[in-house]
């Protein structure tokens, strides 16, 4: 295997925590990571949508990743917002804490166990990567986690405010 083909086997991931669980998303859709901005609630928005905020003249809808994943609402002092493009829309996702950026071999990513798939679109979980220290990293696909319809509705709700 030459060096060029080996580079195609590598995947860059941004990892973050929701509670004690470590998740990761592909770094390519991330525009930036921010501290939690001042948020304006939007009446009639889905429960997981915390509201909207202005980022350099662009209105960004803000999703609470905990609520989207069915976890209890809990604020921490380490909260960050990941600005990510989902289905052509810039959306902010609140996470409990950013961890680090990793470069992993795609072939080291294991398929997700069926118990993780309960209640989620099976395509929204890309797999599990085992870190040193016996900690697992659950890889998410935001394009599938938020359906096309949900992403469009979130963007539409934000633009109407």
C-alpha atoms as a PDB file:
ATOM      1  CA  UNK A   1       0.000   0.000   0.000  1.00  0.00           C
ATOM      2  CA  UNK A   2       1.477   3.356  -0.954  1.00  0.00           C
ATOM      3  CA  UNK A   3       1.285   6.502   1.179  1.00  0.00           C
ATOM      4  CA  UNK A   4      -1.445   8.133  -0.939  1.00  0.00           C
ATOM      5  CA  UNK A   5      -3.896   5.244  -0.566  1.00  0.00           C
ATOM      6  CA  UNK A   6      -3.141   5.135   3.182  1.00  0.00           C
ATOM      7  CA  UNK A   7      -4.150   8.831   3.490  1.00  0.00           C
ATOM      8  CA  UNK A   8      -7.569   8.011   2.017  1.00  0.00           C
ATOM      9  CA  UNK A   9      -8.088   5.491   4.818  1.00  0.00           C
ATOM     10  CA  UNK A  10      -7.787   8.210   7.478  1.00  0.00           C
ATOM     11  CA  UNK A  11     -10.786  10.061   8.844  1.00  0.00           C
ATOM     12  CA  UNK A  12     -10.669  13.269  10.919  1.00  0.00           C
ATOM     13  CA  UNK A  13     -13.230  13.474  13.694  1.00  0.00           C
ATOM     14  CA  UNK A  14     -14.193  16.123  16.250  1.00  0.00           C
ATOM     15  CA  UNK A  15     -15.142  14.521  19.545  1.00  0.00           C
ATOM     16  CA  UNK A  16     -17.429  15.894  22.243  1.00  0.00           C
ATOM     17  CA  UNK A  17     -19.249  14.766  25.348  1.00  0.00           C
ATOM     18  CA  UNK A  18     -22.925  14.526  26.159  1.00  0.00           C
ATOM     19  CA  UNK A  19     -22.944  13.543  29.815  1.00  0.00           C
ATOM     20  CA  UNK A  20     -20.384  10.791  30.239  1.00  0.00           C
ATOM     21  CA  UNK A  21     -20.715   9.534  26.662  1.00  0.00           C
ATOM     22  CA  UNK A  22     -18.149  10.494  24.043  1.00  0.00           C
ATOM     23  CA  UNK A  23     -19.431  11.171  20.516  1.00  0.00           C
ATOM     24  CA  UNK A  24     -17.742  12.303  17.303  1.00  0.00           C
ATOM     25  CA  UNK A  25     -18.680  13.801  13.964  1.00  0.00           C
ATOM     26  CA  UNK A  26     -16.727  14.208  10.749  1.00  0.00           C
ATOM     27  CA  UNK A  27     -14.743  17.427  10.943  1.00  0.00           C
ATOM     28  CA  UNK A  28     -15.440  18.423   7.319  1.00  0.00           C
ATOM     29  CA  UNK A  29     -18.892  19.906   7.974  1.00  0.00           C
ATOM     30  CA  UNK A  30     -17.779  21.971  10.976  1.00  0.00           C
ATOM     31  CA  UNK A  31     -17.420  25.703  10.406  1.00  0.00           C
ATOM     32  CA  UNK A  32     -16.460  26.713  13.924  1.00  0.00           C
ATOM     33  CA  UNK A  33     -16.895  26.044  17.625  1.00  0.00           C
ATOM     34  CA  UNK A  34     -18.177  28.799  19.931  1.00  0.00           C
ATOM     35  CA  UNK A  35     -19.036  29.427  23.538  1.00  0.00           C
ATOM     36  CA  UNK A  36     -22.783  29.523  24.112  1.00  0.00           C
ATOM     37  CA  UNK A  37     -24.107  32.788  22.611  1.00  0.00           C
ATOM     38  CA  UNK A  38     -27.129  34.819  23.664  1.00  0.00           C
ATOM     39  CA  UNK A  39     -30.094  32.882  22.290  1.00  0.00           C
ATOM     40  CA  UNK A  40     -33.562  34.136  21.375  1.00  0.00           C
ATOM     41  CA  UNK A  41     -36.326  31.518  21.805  1.00  0.00           C
ATOM     42  CA  UNK A  42     -38.596  30.788  18.844  1.00  0.00           C
ATOM     43  CA  UNK A  43     -42.295  30.120  19.600  1.00  0.00           C
ATOM     44  CA  UNK A  44     -43.597  26.912  18.038  1.00  0.00           C
ATOM     45  CA  UNK A  45     -40.130  25.448  17.449  1.00  0.00           C
ATOM     46  CA  UNK A  46     -39.438  21.769  18.238  1.00  0.00           C
ATOM     47  CA  UNK A  47     -38.495  21.143  21.899  1.00  0.00           C
ATOM     48  CA  UNK A  48     -34.878  20.361  20.985  1.00  0.00           C
ATOM     49  CA  UNK A  49     -34.493  23.750  19.248  1.00  0.00           C
ATOM     50  CA  UNK A  50     -33.293  26.194  21.903  1.00  0.00           C
ATOM     51  CA  UNK A  51     -33.772  29.201  19.637  1.00  0.00           C
ATOM     52  CA  UNK A  52     -31.739  31.312  17.247  1.00  0.00           C
ATOM     53  CA  UNK A  53     -28.717  33.584  17.443  1.00  0.00           C
ATOM     54  CA  UNK A  54     -26.941  36.045  15.191  1.00  0.00           C
ATOM     55  CA  UNK A  55     -23.499  35.014  13.981  1.00  0.00           C
ATOM     56  CA  UNK A  56     -21.892  37.867  12.038  1.00  0.00           C
ATOM     57  CA  UNK A  57     -25.168  38.781  10.330  1.00  0.00           C
ATOM     58  CA  UNK A  58     -26.393  35.226   9.742  1.00  0.00           C
ATOM     59  CA  UNK A  59     -29.282  33.811  11.805  1.00  0.00           C
ATOM     60  CA  UNK A  60     -28.320  30.362  13.109  1.00  0.00           C
ATOM     61  CA  UNK A  61     -30.831  27.924  14.628  1.00  0.00           C
ATOM     62  CA  UNK A  62     -29.548  26.315  17.825  1.00  0.00           C
ATOM     63  CA  UNK A  63     -30.216  22.654  18.627  1.00  0.00           C
ATOM     64  CA  UNK A  64     -29.662  21.124  22.065  1.00  0.00           C
ATOM     65  CA  UNK A  65     -27.855  17.896  21.182  1.00  0.00           C
ATOM     66  CA  UNK A  66     -28.904  16.344  24.524  1.00  0.00           C
ATOM     67  CA  UNK A  67     -32.603  16.808  23.791  1.00  0.00           C
ATOM     68  CA  UNK A  68     -32.185  15.688  20.183  1.00  0.00           C
ATOM     69  CA  UNK A  69     -30.577  12.452  21.437  1.00  0.00           C
ATOM     70  CA  UNK A  70     -33.298  11.894  24.050  1.00  0.00           C
ATOM     71  CA  UNK A  71     -31.097  12.768  27.034  1.00  0.00           C
ATOM     72  CA  UNK A  72     -32.225  14.959  29.961  1.00  0.00           C
ATOM     73  CA  UNK A  73     -31.653  18.719  29.716  1.00  0.00           C
ATOM     74  CA  UNK A  74     -28.554  19.682  31.688  1.00  0.00           C
ATOM     75  CA  UNK A  75     -26.369  22.771  31.412  1.00  0.00           C
ATOM     76  CA  UNK A  76     -22.652  22.708  32.138  1.00  0.00           C
ATOM     77  CA  UNK A  77     -20.073  25.464  32.355  1.00  0.00           C
ATOM     78  CA  UNK A  78     -18.124  23.771  29.543  1.00  0.00           C
ATOM     79  CA  UNK A  79     -20.946  23.906  26.964  1.00  0.00           C
ATOM     80  CA  UNK A  80     -19.917  24.718  23.424  1.00  0.00           C
ATOM     81  CA  UNK A  81     -21.765  25.237  20.169  1.00  0.00           C
ATOM     82  CA  UNK A  82     -20.625  23.403  17.053  1.00  0.00           C
ATOM     83  CA  UNK A  83     -21.659  25.234  13.866  1.00  0.00           C
ATOM     84  CA  UNK A  84     -22.155  22.515  11.265  1.00  0.00           C
ATOM     85  CA  UNK A  85     -23.673  22.407   7.789  1.00  0.00           C
ATOM     86  CA  UNK A  86     -26.556  19.935   7.634  1.00  0.00           C
ATOM     87  CA  UNK A  87     -28.324  19.479   4.323  1.00  0.00           C
ATOM     88  CA  UNK A  88     -27.178  22.907   3.151  1.00  0.00           C
ATOM     89  CA  UNK A  89     -28.169  24.766   6.348  1.00  0.00           C
ATOM     90  CA  UNK A  90     -25.844  26.160   9.030  1.00  0.00           C
ATOM     91  CA  UNK A  91     -27.075  24.792  12.363  1.00  0.00           C
ATOM     92  CA  UNK A  92     -25.600  25.194  15.839  1.00  0.00           C
ATOM     93  CA  UNK A  93     -25.471  22.159  18.128  1.00  0.00           C
ATOM     94  CA  UNK A  94     -25.014  22.577  21.882  1.00  0.00           C
ATOM     95  CA  UNK A  95     -22.697  19.935  23.341  1.00  0.00           C
ATOM     96  CA  UNK A  96     -21.652  19.511  26.972  1.00  0.00           C
ATOM     97  CA  UNK A  97     -17.941  19.720  26.274  1.00  0.00           C
ATOM     98  CA  UNK A  98     -15.602  19.592  23.287  1.00  0.00           C
ATOM     99  CA  UNK A  99     -12.948  16.911  23.613  1.00  0.00           C
ATOM    100  CA  UNK A 100     -10.416  16.814  20.773  1.00  0.00           C
ATOM    101  CA  UNK A 101      -9.828  16.268  17.075  1.00  0.00           C
ATOM    102  CA  UNK A 102      -8.765  12.749  16.171  1.00  0.00           C
ATOM    103  CA  UNK A 103      -7.396  11.153  13.051  1.00  0.00           C
ATOM    104  CA  UNK A 104      -8.462   7.507  12.822  1.00  0.00           C
ATOM    105  CA  UNK A 105      -8.156   4.743  10.287  1.00  0.00           C
ATOM    106  CA  UNK A 106     -11.566   4.096   8.688  1.00  0.00           C
ATOM    107  CA  UNK A 107     -10.941   0.365   8.929  1.00  0.00           C
ATOM    108  CA  UNK A 108     -10.677   0.634  12.749  1.00  0.00           C
ATOM    109  CA  UNK A 109     -14.279   1.861  13.035  1.00  0.00           C
ATOM    110  CA  UNK A 110     -16.548  -0.945  14.203  1.00  0.00           C
ATOM    111  CA  UNK A 111     -20.242  -1.240  13.263  1.00  0.00           C
ATOM    112  CA  UNK A 112     -22.579   0.034  15.986  1.00  0.00           C
ATOM    113  CA  UNK A 113     -24.141  -2.655  18.161  1.00  0.00           C
ATOM    114  CA  UNK A 114     -27.915  -3.086  17.645  1.00  0.00           C
ATOM    115  CA  UNK A 115     -28.674  -1.810  21.165  1.00  0.00           C
ATOM    116  CA  UNK A 116     -27.352   1.638  20.155  1.00  0.00           C
ATOM    117  CA  UNK A 117     -29.723   1.754  17.195  1.00  0.00           C
ATOM    118  CA  UNK A 118     -32.952   1.555  19.197  1.00  0.00           C
ATOM    119  CA  UNK A 119     -35.030   4.674  18.605  1.00  0.00           C
ATOM    120  CA  UNK A 120     -32.569   6.176  16.097  1.00  0.00           C
ATOM    121  CA  UNK A 121     -32.315   6.086  12.347  1.00  0.00           C
ATOM    122  CA  UNK A 122     -29.769   3.274  11.837  1.00  0.00           C
ATOM    123  CA  UNK A 123     -27.949   5.471   9.300  1.00  0.00           C
ATOM    124  CA  UNK A 124     -27.377   8.208  11.912  1.00  0.00           C
ATOM    125  CA  UNK A 125     -24.782   6.051  13.704  1.00  0.00           C
ATOM    126  CA  UNK A 126     -21.661   5.487  11.631  1.00  0.00           C
ATOM    127  CA  UNK A 127     -19.966   3.179  14.094  1.00  0.00           C
ATOM    128  CA  UNK A 128     -17.864   2.912  17.218  1.00  0.00           C
ATOM    129  CA  UNK A 129     -14.173   3.620  17.573  1.00  0.00           C
ATOM    130  CA  UNK A 130     -12.373   2.188  20.601  1.00  0.00           C
ATOM    131  CA  UNK A 131      -9.933   4.631  22.184  1.00  0.00           C
ATOM    132  CA  UNK A 132      -7.078   3.742  24.501  1.00  0.00           C
ATOM    133  CA  UNK A 133      -8.350   3.645  28.132  1.00  0.00           C
ATOM    134  CA  UNK A 134     -11.263   1.376  27.103  1.00  0.00           C
ATOM    135  CA  UNK A 135     -13.402   4.358  26.144  1.00  0.00           C
ATOM    136  CA  UNK A 136     -15.704   4.158  23.134  1.00  0.00           C
ATOM    137  CA  UNK A 137     -16.310   6.947  20.684  1.00  0.00           C
ATOM    138  CA  UNK A 138     -19.754   6.830  19.031  1.00  0.00           C
ATOM    139  CA  UNK A 139     -19.621   8.240  15.498  1.00  0.00           C
ATOM    140  CA  UNK A 140     -22.686  10.179  14.373  1.00  0.00           C
ATOM    141  CA  UNK A 141     -23.841  11.278  10.935  1.00  0.00           C
ATOM    142  CA  UNK A 142     -25.647  14.610  11.322  1.00  0.00           C
ATOM    143  CA  UNK A 143     -27.069  14.397   7.796  1.00  0.00           C
ATOM    144  CA  UNK A 144     -29.103  11.357   8.879  1.00  0.00           C
ATOM    145  CA  UNK A 145     -29.653  12.355  12.500  1.00  0.00           C
ATOM    146  CA  UNK A 146     -31.659  15.344  11.339  1.00  0.00           C
ATOM    147  CA  UNK A 147     -33.929  14.247   8.541  1.00  0.00           C
ATOM    148  CA  UNK A 148     -34.132  16.381   5.422  1.00  0.00           C
ATOM    149  CA  UNK A 149     -37.592  17.538   6.514  1.00  0.00           C
ATOM    150  CA  UNK A 150     -36.435  18.409  10.064  1.00  0.00           C
ATOM    151  CA  UNK A 151     -33.376  20.353   8.857  1.00  0.00           C
ATOM    152  CA  UNK A 152     -35.518  22.353   6.427  1.00  0.00           C
ATOM    153  CA  UNK A 153     -38.149  23.034   9.124  1.00  0.00           C
ATOM    154  CA  UNK A 154     -35.481  24.212  11.582  1.00  0.00           C
ATOM    155  CA  UNK A 155     -33.978  26.549   8.988  1.00  0.00           C
ATOM    156  CA  UNK A 156     -37.443  27.818   7.992  1.00  0.00           C
ATOM    157  CA  UNK A 157     -38.392  28.441  11.656  1.00  0.00           C
ATOM    158  CA  UNK A 158     -35.138  30.360  12.190  1.00  0.00           C
ATOM    159  CA  UNK A 159     -35.668  32.494   9.078  1.00  0.00           C
ATOM    160  CA  UNK A 160     -39.238  33.383  10.068  1.00  0.00           C
ATOM    161  CA  UNK A 161     -38.122  34.818  13.406  1.00  0.00           C
END
